[in-house]
Amino acid sequence: MSLVVSVPRPELARDLEPLPDGVEVIVWAMDAAAPRDRIDLVVPPYMSGGNGLSLLAGVTTRLVQGQSIGYEGTAEKLPPGIVFANAATVHETSTAELAVGLTLAAQRHLDAFAVDTRAGVWHPRYAQSLADRRVLLLGYGGVGKAVAARLAPFEVDLVPVASRARDEDGIRVHGIDELPELLPTAEIVVLTLPGGDATRHIIGDAELAALPDGALIVNVGRGPLVDTDALVRHVWAGRIRAALDVTDPEPLPEGHPLWGLPGVLIAPHVGGASSAMHPRIAALVKRQIAHLLADEEPENIVIRT
């Protein structure tokens, strides 16, 4: 029995080689009608795959393998009868790197030094260390744990927070209901939570007001985790700083008050966009091919329409 796999880029097709016997890989960017009536495994484009998901109507598939960890809003775009998997194991490392990088950049004024470098200005600044800071880590899934592992050598006081309190591998994980008690002592808040109604504006005006002066918000999860209007107000007041890989709205439009706001560092949603992604998405797709060939349950299934 043959297995047909579609990928959006020729580069990913090459990364999958050598292929097991009976596996055919075709390139389909999902910007036009499907080239086959049956494609057993479909890999949509990264970050824009949702735009073409309606093209799966009438195509017989066994699995649609997304390239992002997040999948909010995906179910509404999929035709009935689709099994969808997210890209857990692909982006955790790269996103965690950026979370730590943004935190260090904000704490040690690296963004300001970059501007000074271009201007040819020698302007020393006293900085807040990352060492000894109390870091509230909101989200203790794959990305959250990867962030925690990378923060450990920096000698921080790490406080993980998840949907429910628990002890995991000897670590005390606090429940989200404990936020009112935890926020007043947090010097840095790192958000790695998924999006959706349950987490929308989990950091709003009241939560920002509860943080001490000078606290830093680092968001590598989803933009709507933070109430943008409230964040702008608190940053303008000089109370809160922010380092953001994700924003709400996104992309951040020209003229938005977050642009150029002192105390704000913005990356354009590039947490997973590094050289670490390519071998990891190829490895995941290879594993999914093996599962389908063996009639096994694929990994990371998050939606069945």
C-alpha atoms as a PDB file:
ATOM      1  CA  MET A   1       0.000   0.000   0.000  1.00  0.00           C
ATOM      2  CA  SER A   2       1.336   3.449  -0.946  1.00  0.00           C
ATOM      3  CA  LEU A   3       1.332   6.462   1.350  1.00  0.00           C
ATOM      4  CA  VAL A   4       1.039   9.940  -0.195  1.00  0.00           C
ATOM      5  CA  VAL A   5       2.485  12.853   1.774  1.00  0.00           C
ATOM      6  CA  SER A   6       2.208  16.530   0.816  1.00  0.00           C
ATOM      7  CA  VAL A   7       4.599  19.185   2.128  1.00  0.00           C
ATOM      8  CA  PRO A   8       4.519  22.923   1.373  1.00  0.00           C
ATOM      9  CA  ARG A   9       8.172  23.355   0.380  1.00  0.00           C
ATOM     10  CA  PRO A  10      10.677  21.379  -1.683  1.00  0.00           C
ATOM     11  CA  GLU A  11      13.210  21.839   1.129  1.00  0.00           C
ATOM     12  CA  LEU A  12      11.023  19.873   3.550  1.00  0.00           C
ATOM     13  CA  ALA A  13      10.575  17.160   0.921  1.00  0.00           C
ATOM     14  CA  ARG A  14      14.363  16.840   0.706  1.00  0.00           C
ATOM     15  CA  ASP A  15      14.669  16.774   4.498  1.00  0.00           C
ATOM     16  CA  LEU A  16      12.435  13.695   4.581  1.00  0.00           C
ATOM     17  CA  GLU A  17      14.786  11.628   2.427  1.00  0.00           C
ATOM     18  CA  PRO A  18      15.498   8.761   2.351  1.00  0.00           C
ATOM     19  CA  LEU A  19      11.857   7.648   2.338  1.00  0.00           C
ATOM     20  CA  PRO A  20      10.532   4.228   3.278  1.00  0.00           C
ATOM     21  CA  ASP A  21       9.333   2.031   0.443  1.00  0.00           C
ATOM     22  CA  GLY A  22       5.838   2.908  -0.733  1.00  0.00           C
ATOM     23  CA  VAL A  23       5.950   6.558   0.409  1.00  0.00           C
ATOM     24  CA  GLU A  24       5.494   9.312  -2.165  1.00  0.00           C
ATOM     25  CA  VAL A  25       6.081  12.956  -1.256  1.00  0.00           C
ATOM     26  CA  ILE A  26       4.550  15.762  -3.320  1.00  0.00           C
ATOM     27  CA  VAL A  27       4.845  19.517  -2.875  1.00  0.00           C
ATOM     28  CA  TRP A  28       1.559  21.332  -2.250  1.00  0.00           C
ATOM     29  CA  ALA A  29       1.667  24.875  -0.852  1.00  0.00           C
ATOM     30  CA  MET A  30      -2.122  24.859  -0.319  1.00  0.00           C
ATOM     31  CA  ASP A  31      -2.499  28.003  -2.418  1.00  0.00           C
ATOM     32  CA  ALA A  32      -4.457  26.136  -5.110  1.00  0.00           C
ATOM     33  CA  ALA A  33      -6.681  23.084  -5.384  1.00  0.00           C
ATOM     34  CA  ALA A  34      -5.313  19.805  -4.074  1.00  0.00           C
ATOM     35  CA  PRO A  35      -3.258  17.905  -6.677  1.00  0.00           C
ATOM     36  CA  ARG A  36      -4.685  14.541  -5.545  1.00  0.00           C
ATOM     37  CA  ASP A  37      -8.022  13.258  -4.301  1.00  0.00           C
ATOM     38  CA  ARG A  38      -6.166  11.248  -1.662  1.00  0.00           C
ATOM     39  CA  ILE A  39      -3.268  12.638   0.367  1.00  0.00           C
ATOM     40  CA  ASP A  40      -2.707  10.517   3.427  1.00  0.00           C
ATOM     41  CA  LEU A  41      -0.566  13.025   5.333  1.00  0.00           C
ATOM     42  CA  VAL A  42      -0.886  16.762   4.671  1.00  0.00           C
ATOM     43  CA  VAL A  43       1.613  19.275   6.069  1.00  0.00           C
ATOM     44  CA  PRO A  44       0.273  22.856   5.655  1.00  0.00           C
ATOM     45  CA  PRO A  45       2.602  25.862   5.348  1.00  0.00           C
ATOM     46  CA  TYR A  46       4.104  27.287   8.533  1.00  0.00           C
ATOM     47  CA  MET A  47       2.242  30.266  10.058  1.00  0.00           C
ATOM     48  CA  SER A  48      -0.119  30.608   7.073  1.00  0.00           C
ATOM     49  CA  GLY A  49      -1.489  27.099   6.751  1.00  0.00           C
ATOM     50  CA  GLY A  50      -4.881  28.081   8.123  1.00  0.00           C
ATOM     51  CA  ASN A  51      -5.610  30.051   4.966  1.00  0.00           C
ATOM     52  CA  GLY A  52      -5.699  26.916   2.824  1.00  0.00           C
ATOM     53  CA  LEU A  53      -7.293  24.399   5.164  1.00  0.00           C
ATOM     54  CA  SER A  54     -10.671  24.716   3.420  1.00  0.00           C
ATOM     55  CA  LEU A  55      -8.997  23.185   0.331  1.00  0.00           C
ATOM     56  CA  LEU A  56      -8.984  19.871   2.193  1.00  0.00           C
ATOM     57  CA  ALA A  57     -12.722  19.519   1.505  1.00  0.00           C
ATOM     58  CA  GLY A  58     -13.149  16.529  -0.780  1.00  0.00           C
ATOM     59  CA  VAL A  59      -9.606  15.265  -0.135  1.00  0.00           C
ATOM     60  CA  THR A  60      -9.273  11.919   1.622  1.00  0.00           C
ATOM     61  CA  THR A  61      -6.697  12.301   4.398  1.00  0.00           C
ATOM     62  CA  ARG A  62      -5.559  10.329   7.411  1.00  0.00           C
ATOM     63  CA  LEU A  63      -3.699  13.161   9.149  1.00  0.00           C
ATOM     64  CA  VAL A  64      -3.060  16.889   8.817  1.00  0.00           C
ATOM     65  CA  GLN A  65       0.212  17.763  10.528  1.00  0.00           C
ATOM     66  CA  GLY A  66       0.471  21.416  11.540  1.00  0.00           C
ATOM     67  CA  GLN A  67       3.830  23.114  11.919  1.00  0.00           C
ATOM     68  CA  SER A  68       2.939  25.221  14.982  1.00  0.00           C
ATOM     69  CA  ILE A  69       2.346  24.266  18.593  1.00  0.00           C
ATOM     70  CA  GLY A  70      -0.672  26.559  18.870  1.00  0.00           C
ATOM     71  CA  TYR A  71      -3.857  25.580  17.099  1.00  0.00           C
ATOM     72  CA  GLU A  72      -6.549  27.932  18.370  1.00  0.00           C
ATOM     73  CA  GLY A  73      -9.031  28.740  15.613  1.00  0.00           C
ATOM     74  CA  THR A  74      -7.891  25.812  13.480  1.00  0.00           C
ATOM     75  CA  ALA A  75     -10.911  23.567  14.087  1.00  0.00           C
ATOM     76  CA  GLU A  76     -13.255  26.181  12.606  1.00  0.00           C
ATOM     77  CA  LYS A  77     -11.245  26.206   9.352  1.00  0.00           C
ATOM     78  CA  LEU A  78     -11.103  22.442   8.877  1.00  0.00           C
ATOM     79  CA  PRO A  79     -13.696  20.488   6.871  1.00  0.00           C
ATOM     80  CA  PRO A  80     -15.457  17.608   8.659  1.00  0.00           C
ATOM     81  CA  GLY A  81     -13.654  14.313   9.114  1.00  0.00           C
ATOM     82  CA  ILE A  82     -10.126  15.689   9.587  1.00  0.00           C
ATOM     83  CA  VAL A  83      -7.596  14.501  12.168  1.00  0.00           C
ATOM     84  CA  PHE A  84      -5.174  17.327  13.041  1.00  0.00           C
ATOM     85  CA  ALA A  85      -1.909  17.150  14.978  1.00  0.00           C
ATOM     86  CA  ASN A  86       0.105  20.071  16.295  1.00  0.00           C
ATOM     87  CA  ALA A  87       3.896  20.429  16.241  1.00  0.00           C
ATOM     88  CA  ALA A  88       4.761  19.667  19.849  1.00  0.00           C
ATOM     89  CA  THR A  89       8.492  18.744  20.065  1.00  0.00           C
ATOM     90  CA  VAL A  90       9.379  21.130  17.207  1.00  0.00           C
ATOM     91  CA  HIS A  91       9.450  24.674  18.622  1.00  0.00           C
ATOM     92  CA  GLU A  92      10.015  24.319  22.357  1.00  0.00           C
ATOM     93  CA  THR A  93      13.799  24.682  22.196  1.00  0.00           C
ATOM     94  CA  SER A  94      13.826  27.661  19.861  1.00  0.00           C
ATOM     95  CA  THR A  95      10.994  29.476  21.656  1.00  0.00           C
ATOM     96  CA  ALA A  96      12.679  28.951  25.014  1.00  0.00           C
ATOM     97  CA  GLU A  97      15.915  30.396  23.626  1.00  0.00           C
ATOM     98  CA  LEU A  98      14.084  33.528  22.536  1.00  0.00           C
ATOM     99  CA  ALA A  99      12.277  33.834  25.870  1.00  0.00           C
ATOM    100  CA  VAL A 100      15.595  33.850  27.697  1.00  0.00           C
ATOM    101  CA  GLY A 101      17.124  36.137  25.072  1.00  0.00           C
ATOM    102  CA  LEU A 102      14.317  38.683  25.370  1.00  0.00           C
ATOM    103  CA  THR A 103      14.560  38.570  29.144  1.00  0.00           C
ATOM    104  CA  LEU A 104      18.306  39.153  29.122  1.00  0.00           C
ATOM    105  CA  ALA A 105      18.006  41.878  26.491  1.00  0.00           C
ATOM    106  CA  ALA A 106      15.432  43.750  28.542  1.00  0.00           C
ATOM    107  CA  GLN A 107      17.218  43.282  31.855  1.00  0.00           C
ATOM    108  CA  ARG A 108      20.673  44.242  30.563  1.00  0.00           C
ATOM    109  CA  HIS A 109      19.571  46.999  28.109  1.00  0.00           C
ATOM    110  CA  LEU A 110      20.891  45.137  25.072  1.00  0.00           C
ATOM    111  CA  ASP A 111      18.238  46.795  22.894  1.00  0.00           C
ATOM    112  CA  ALA A 112      19.486  50.233  23.942  1.00  0.00           C
ATOM    113  CA  PHE A 113      23.107  49.220  23.388  1.00  0.00           C
ATOM    114  CA  ALA A 114      22.203  48.089  19.861  1.00  0.00           C
ATOM    115  CA  VAL A 115      20.828  51.569  19.142  1.00  0.00           C
ATOM    116  CA  ASP A 116      23.917  53.159  20.689  1.00  0.00           C
ATOM    117  CA  THR A 117      26.153  50.950  18.540  1.00  0.00           C
ATOM    118  CA  ARG A 118      24.498  52.157  15.363  1.00  0.00           C
ATOM    119  CA  ALA A 119      24.743  55.774  16.535  1.00  0.00           C
ATOM    120  CA  GLY A 120      28.351  55.422  17.683  1.00  0.00           C
ATOM    121  CA  VAL A 121      27.480  56.378  21.264  1.00  0.00           C
ATOM    122  CA  TRP A 122      29.302  55.129  24.378  1.00  0.00           C
ATOM    123  CA  HIS A 123      26.610  55.223  27.059  1.00  0.00           C
ATOM    124  CA  PRO A 124      27.068  52.849  30.031  1.00  0.00           C
ATOM    125  CA  ARG A 125      23.885  51.935  31.882  1.00  0.00           C
ATOM    126  CA  TYR A 126      23.317  50.302  35.265  1.00  0.00           C
ATOM    127  CA  ALA A 127      21.189  47.190  34.750  1.00  0.00           C
ATOM    128  CA  GLN A 128      19.030  44.710  36.599  1.00  0.00           C
ATOM    129  CA  SER A 129      20.520  41.236  36.670  1.00  0.00           C
ATOM    130  CA  LEU A 130      18.650  38.101  35.736  1.00  0.00           C
ATOM    131  CA  ALA A 131      20.377  36.337  38.625  1.00  0.00           C
ATOM    132  CA  ASP A 132      18.431  36.425  41.900  1.00  0.00           C
ATOM    133  CA  ARG A 133      15.256  37.705  40.267  1.00  0.00           C
ATOM    134  CA  ARG A 134      11.925  36.042  41.090  1.00  0.00           C
ATOM    135  CA  VAL A 135      10.548  34.746  37.778  1.00  0.00           C
ATOM    136  CA  LEU A 136       6.888  33.769  37.510  1.00  0.00           C
ATOM    137  CA  LEU A 137       6.568  31.261  34.677  1.00  0.00           C
ATOM    138  CA  LEU A 138       2.962  31.117  33.448  1.00  0.00           C
ATOM    139  CA  GLY A 139       2.604  27.837  31.600  1.00  0.00           C
ATOM    140  CA  TYR A 140       4.397  24.609  32.425  1.00  0.00           C
ATOM    141  CA  GLY A 141       3.907  22.570  29.289  1.00  0.00           C
ATOM    142  CA  GLY A 142       6.553  21.825  26.693  1.00  0.00           C
ATOM    143  CA  VAL A 143       7.659  25.420  26.122  1.00  0.00           C
ATOM    144  CA  GLY A 144       7.394  26.321  29.806  1.00  0.00           C
ATOM    145  CA  LYS A 145       9.586  23.412  30.860  1.00  0.00           C
ATOM    146  CA  ALA A 146      12.115  24.277  28.167  1.00  0.00           C
ATOM    147  CA  VAL A 147      12.233  27.854  29.474  1.00  0.00           C
ATOM    148  CA  ALA A 148      12.618  26.595  33.044  1.00  0.00           C
ATOM    149  CA  ALA A 149      15.544  24.371  32.053  1.00  0.00           C
ATOM    150  CA  ARG A 150      17.337  27.281  30.391  1.00  0.00           C
ATOM    151  CA  LEU A 151      16.706  29.676  33.270  1.00  0.00           C
ATOM    152  CA  ALA A 152      18.102  27.289  35.874  1.00  0.00           C
ATOM    153  CA  PRO A 153      21.794  28.168  35.260  1.00  0.00           C
ATOM    154  CA  PHE A 154      20.973  31.869  35.709  1.00  0.00           C
ATOM    155  CA  GLU A 155      20.286  31.359  39.420  1.00  0.00           C
ATOM    156  CA  VAL A 156      16.758  32.733  39.380  1.00  0.00           C
ATOM    157  CA  ASP A 157      13.994  32.084  41.895  1.00  0.00           C
ATOM    158  CA  LEU A 158      11.635  30.275  39.522  1.00  0.00           C
ATOM    159  CA  VAL A 159       7.925  29.949  40.320  1.00  0.00           C
ATOM    160  CA  PRO A 160       6.086  27.764  37.769  1.00  0.00           C
ATOM    161  CA  VAL A 161       2.329  28.277  37.377  1.00  0.00           C
ATOM    162  CA  ALA A 162      -0.085  26.026  35.496  1.00  0.00           C
ATOM    163  CA  SER A 163      -3.823  25.423  35.269  1.00  0.00           C
ATOM    164  CA  ARG A 164      -3.717  23.322  38.442  1.00  0.00           C
ATOM    165  CA  ALA A 165      -1.363  23.019  41.381  1.00  0.00           C
ATOM    166  CA  ARG A 166       0.783  19.906  41.576  1.00  0.00           C
ATOM    167  CA  ASP A 167       4.183  18.502  42.426  1.00  0.00           C
ATOM    168  CA  GLU A 168       5.997  17.390  39.282  1.00  0.00           C
ATOM    169  CA  ASP A 169       9.460  15.814  39.299  1.00  0.00           C
ATOM    170  CA  GLY A 170      10.173  17.379  42.667  1.00  0.00           C
ATOM    171  CA  ILE A 171       9.082  20.855  41.535  1.00  0.00           C
ATOM    172  CA  ARG A 172       6.166  22.692  43.119  1.00  0.00           C
ATOM    173  CA  VAL A 173       3.882  23.937  40.355  1.00  0.00           C
ATOM    174  CA  HIS A 174       1.378  26.539  41.516  1.00  0.00           C
ATOM    175  CA  GLY A 175      -2.193  26.764  40.293  1.00  0.00           C
ATOM    176  CA  ILE A 176      -3.446  29.693  38.258  1.00  0.00           C
ATOM    177  CA  ASP A 177      -5.828  30.511  41.116  1.00  0.00           C
ATOM    178  CA  GLU A 178      -2.778  31.523  43.172  1.00  0.00           C
ATOM    179  CA  LEU A 179      -1.871  34.420  40.845  1.00  0.00           C
ATOM    180  CA  PRO A 180      -3.228  37.166  43.144  1.00  0.00           C
ATOM    181  CA  GLU A 181      -0.806  36.039  45.871  1.00  0.00           C
ATOM    182  CA  LEU A 182       2.131  35.430  43.524  1.00  0.00           C
ATOM    183  CA  LEU A 183       2.105  38.544  41.330  1.00  0.00           C
ATOM    184  CA  PRO A 184       3.096  41.118  43.996  1.00  0.00           C
ATOM    185  CA  THR A 185       6.417  39.325  44.511  1.00  0.00           C
ATOM    186  CA  ALA A 186       7.233  38.654  40.840  1.00  0.00           C
ATOM    187  CA  GLU A 187       9.984  40.718  39.233  1.00  0.00           C
ATOM    188  CA  ILE A 188       9.716  38.959  35.846  1.00  0.00           C
ATOM    189  CA  VAL A 189       6.647  37.236  34.370  1.00  0.00           C
ATOM    190  CA  VAL A 190       7.243  34.878  31.433  1.00  0.00           C
ATOM    191  CA  LEU A 191       4.131  33.726  29.561  1.00  0.00           C
ATOM    192  CA  THR A 192       4.228  30.500  27.557  1.00  0.00           C
ATOM    193  CA  LEU A 193       0.532  29.619  27.760  1.00  0.00           C
ATOM    194  CA  PRO A 194      -1.571  28.678  24.710  1.00  0.00           C
ATOM    195  CA  GLY A 195      -4.207  31.048  23.375  1.00  0.00           C
ATOM    196  CA  GLY A 196      -7.977  30.708  23.560  1.00  0.00           C
ATOM    197  CA  ASP A 197     -10.860  31.936  25.648  1.00  0.00           C
ATOM    198  CA  ALA A 198      -9.560  30.353  28.852  1.00  0.00           C
ATOM    199  CA  THR A 199      -6.319  32.331  28.789  1.00  0.00           C
ATOM    200  CA  ARG A 200      -7.394  35.562  27.097  1.00  0.00           C
ATOM    201  CA  HIS A 201      -6.208  38.589  29.110  1.00  0.00           C
ATOM    202  CA  ILE A 202      -4.924  36.378  31.899  1.00  0.00           C
ATOM    203  CA  ILE A 203      -2.647  39.352  32.470  1.00  0.00           C
ATOM    204  CA  GLY A 204      -4.950  42.356  32.509  1.00  0.00           C
ATOM    205  CA  ASP A 205      -5.108  45.682  34.290  1.00  0.00           C
ATOM    206  CA  ALA A 206      -5.587  44.177  37.756  1.00  0.00           C
ATOM    207  CA  GLU A 207      -2.704  41.731  37.299  1.00  0.00           C
ATOM    208  CA  LEU A 208      -0.379  44.437  35.994  1.00  0.00           C
ATOM    209  CA  ALA A 209      -1.349  46.683  38.896  1.00  0.00           C
ATOM    210  CA  ALA A 210      -0.469  43.898  41.319  1.00  0.00           C
ATOM    211  CA  LEU A 211       3.095  43.639  40.001  1.00  0.00           C
ATOM    212  CA  PRO A 212       5.855  45.671  41.677  1.00  0.00           C
ATOM    213  CA  ASP A 213       7.284  48.741  39.970  1.00  0.00           C
ATOM    214  CA  GLY A 214       9.790  47.857  37.270  1.00  0.00           C
ATOM    215  CA  ALA A 215       8.473  44.340  36.691  1.00  0.00           C
ATOM    216  CA  LEU A 216       9.090  42.814  33.258  1.00  0.00           C
ATOM    217  CA  ILE A 217       6.460  40.999  31.163  1.00  0.00           C
ATOM    218  CA  VAL A 218       7.920  38.523  28.642  1.00  0.00           C
ATOM    219  CA  ASN A 219       5.343  36.970  26.303  1.00  0.00           C
ATOM    220  CA  VAL A 220       6.303  34.126  23.969  1.00  0.00           C
ATOM    221  CA  GLY A 221       2.886  32.427  24.133  1.00  0.00           C
ATOM    222  CA  ARG A 222       0.068  34.238  22.357  1.00  0.00           C
ATOM    223  CA  GLY A 223      -0.636  37.959  22.085  1.00  0.00           C
ATOM    224  CA  PRO A 224      -4.109  37.931  23.698  1.00  0.00           C
ATOM    225  CA  LEU A 225      -2.687  36.504  26.930  1.00  0.00           C
ATOM    226  CA  VAL A 226      -1.979  40.151  27.790  1.00  0.00           C
ATOM    227  CA  ASP A 227      -4.477  43.015  27.660  1.00  0.00           C
ATOM    228  CA  THR A 228      -2.575  45.285  25.273  1.00  0.00           C
ATOM    229  CA  ASP A 229      -4.392  48.487  26.212  1.00  0.00           C
ATOM    230  CA  ALA A 230      -3.714  47.897  29.896  1.00  0.00           C
ATOM    231  CA  LEU A 231      -0.080  47.075  29.169  1.00  0.00           C
ATOM    232  CA  VAL A 232       0.375  50.314  27.220  1.00  0.00           C
ATOM    233  CA  ARG A 233      -1.058  52.298  30.130  1.00  0.00           C
ATOM    234  CA  HIS A 234       1.223  50.683  32.696  1.00  0.00           C
ATOM    235  CA  VAL A 235       4.324  51.041  30.513  1.00  0.00           C
ATOM    236  CA  TRP A 236       3.523  54.697  29.815  1.00  0.00           C
ATOM    237  CA  ALA A 237       3.263  55.237  33.567  1.00  0.00           C
ATOM    238  CA  GLY A 238       6.798  53.875  33.914  1.00  0.00           C
ATOM    239  CA  ARG A 239       5.714  50.969  36.116  1.00  0.00           C
ATOM    240  CA  ILE A 240       6.020  47.980  33.816  1.00  0.00           C
ATOM    241  CA  ARG A 241       8.435  46.888  31.074  1.00  0.00           C
ATOM    242  CA  ALA A 242       7.700  44.378  28.310  1.00  0.00           C
ATOM    243  CA  ALA A 243       9.597  42.094  25.932  1.00  0.00           C
ATOM    244  CA  LEU A 244       7.164  40.571  23.461  1.00  0.00           C
ATOM    245  CA  ASP A 245       7.468  37.988  20.715  1.00  0.00           C
ATOM    246  CA  VAL A 246       3.683  37.997  20.284  1.00  0.00           C
ATOM    247  CA  THR A 247       1.247  40.884  20.345  1.00  0.00           C
ATOM    248  CA  ASP A 248      -2.452  41.624  20.105  1.00  0.00           C
ATOM    249  CA  PRO A 249      -3.165  42.677  17.369  1.00  0.00           C
ATOM    250  CA  GLU A 250      -0.663  40.810  15.236  1.00  0.00           C
ATOM    251  CA  PRO A 251       1.111  41.819  13.111  1.00  0.00           C
ATOM    252  CA  LEU A 252       1.388  45.004  15.127  1.00  0.00           C
ATOM    253  CA  PRO A 253       0.133  47.747  12.801  1.00  0.00           C
ATOM    254  CA  GLU A 254       2.016  50.893  11.904  1.00  0.00           C
ATOM    255  CA  GLY A 255       1.410  53.627  14.437  1.00  0.00           C
ATOM    256  CA  HIS A 256       0.395  51.301  17.256  1.00  0.00           C
ATOM    257  CA  PRO A 257       1.254  52.774  20.687  1.00  0.00           C
ATOM    258  CA  LEU A 258       3.526  49.828  21.515  1.00  0.00           C
ATOM    259  CA  TRP A 259       5.931  50.851  18.753  1.00  0.00           C
ATOM    260  CA  GLY A 260       8.691  53.061  20.092  1.00  0.00           C
ATOM    261  CA  LEU A 261       7.370  52.920  23.639  1.00  0.00           C
ATOM    262  CA  PRO A 262      10.262  53.225  26.111  1.00  0.00           C
ATOM    263  CA  GLY A 263      10.576  50.015  28.074  1.00  0.00           C
ATOM    264  CA  VAL A 264       9.162  47.792  25.304  1.00  0.00           C
ATOM    265  CA  LEU A 265      11.137  45.362  23.129  1.00  0.00           C
ATOM    266  CA  ILE A 266       9.253  43.637  20.301  1.00  0.00           C
ATOM    267  CA  ALA A 267      10.177  40.616  18.192  1.00  0.00           C
ATOM    268  CA  PRO A 268       7.856  39.815  15.221  1.00  0.00           C
ATOM    269  CA  HIS A 269       6.587  36.376  16.350  1.00  0.00           C
ATOM    270  CA  VAL A 270       9.785  34.505  15.582  1.00  0.00           C
ATOM    271  CA  GLY A 271      10.006  32.195  18.587  1.00  0.00           C
ATOM    272  CA  GLY A 272      10.022  29.080  16.436  1.00  0.00           C
ATOM    273  CA  ALA A 273      11.638  30.616  13.366  1.00  0.00           C
ATOM    274  CA  SER A 274      15.193  29.388  13.721  1.00  0.00           C
ATOM    275  CA  SER A 275      17.435  26.744  12.224  1.00  0.00           C
ATOM    276  CA  ALA A 276      16.292  24.417  15.027  1.00  0.00           C
ATOM    277  CA  MET A 277      12.866  24.130  13.391  1.00  0.00           C
ATOM    278  CA  HIS A 278      13.773  22.407  10.129  1.00  0.00           C
ATOM    279  CA  PRO A 279      15.342  19.195  11.451  1.00  0.00           C
ATOM    280  CA  ARG A 280      12.675  18.908  14.145  1.00  0.00           C
ATOM    281  CA  ILE A 281       9.666  19.272  11.830  1.00  0.00           C
ATOM    282  CA  ALA A 282      11.267  16.779   9.458  1.00  0.00           C
ATOM    283  CA  ALA A 283      11.815  14.344  12.335  1.00  0.00           C
ATOM    284  CA  LEU A 284       8.189  14.718  13.450  1.00  0.00           C
ATOM    285  CA  VAL A 285       6.842  14.155   9.926  1.00  0.00           C
ATOM    286  CA  LYS A 286       9.073  11.080   9.573  1.00  0.00           C
ATOM    287  CA  ARG A 287       7.674   9.681  12.825  1.00  0.00           C
ATOM    288  CA  GLN A 288       4.130  10.354  11.651  1.00  0.00           C
ATOM    289  CA  ILE A 289       4.854   8.547   8.375  1.00  0.00           C
ATOM    290  CA  ALA A 290       6.116   5.563  10.353  1.00  0.00           C
ATOM    291  CA  HIS A 291       2.991   5.587  12.538  1.00  0.00           C
ATOM    292  CA  LEU A 292       0.698   5.641   9.495  1.00  0.00           C
ATOM    293  CA  LEU A 293       2.627   2.871   7.754  1.00  0.00           C
ATOM    294  CA  ALA A 294       2.276   0.740  10.893  1.00  0.00           C
ATOM    295  CA  ASP A 295      -1.417   1.651  11.344  1.00  0.00           C
ATOM    296  CA  GLU A 296      -0.539   3.236  14.678  1.00  0.00           C
ATOM    297  CA  GLU A 297      -2.101   6.289  16.319  1.00  0.00           C
ATOM    298  CA  PRO A 298      -0.171   9.399  15.226  1.00  0.00           C
ATOM    299  CA  GLU A 299       1.454  11.713  17.756  1.00  0.00           C
ATOM    300  CA  ASN A 300       0.137  15.073  18.958  1.00  0.00           C
ATOM    301  CA  ILE A 301      -3.491  14.709  17.839  1.00  0.00           C
ATOM    302  CA  VAL A 302      -5.372  17.758  19.125  1.00  0.00           C
ATOM    303  CA  ILE A 303      -8.423  18.044  16.818  1.00  0.00           C
ATOM    304  CA  ARG A 304     -10.863  15.609  15.248  1.00  0.00           C
ATOM    305  CA  THR A 305     -13.548  17.327  13.173  1.00  0.00           C
END
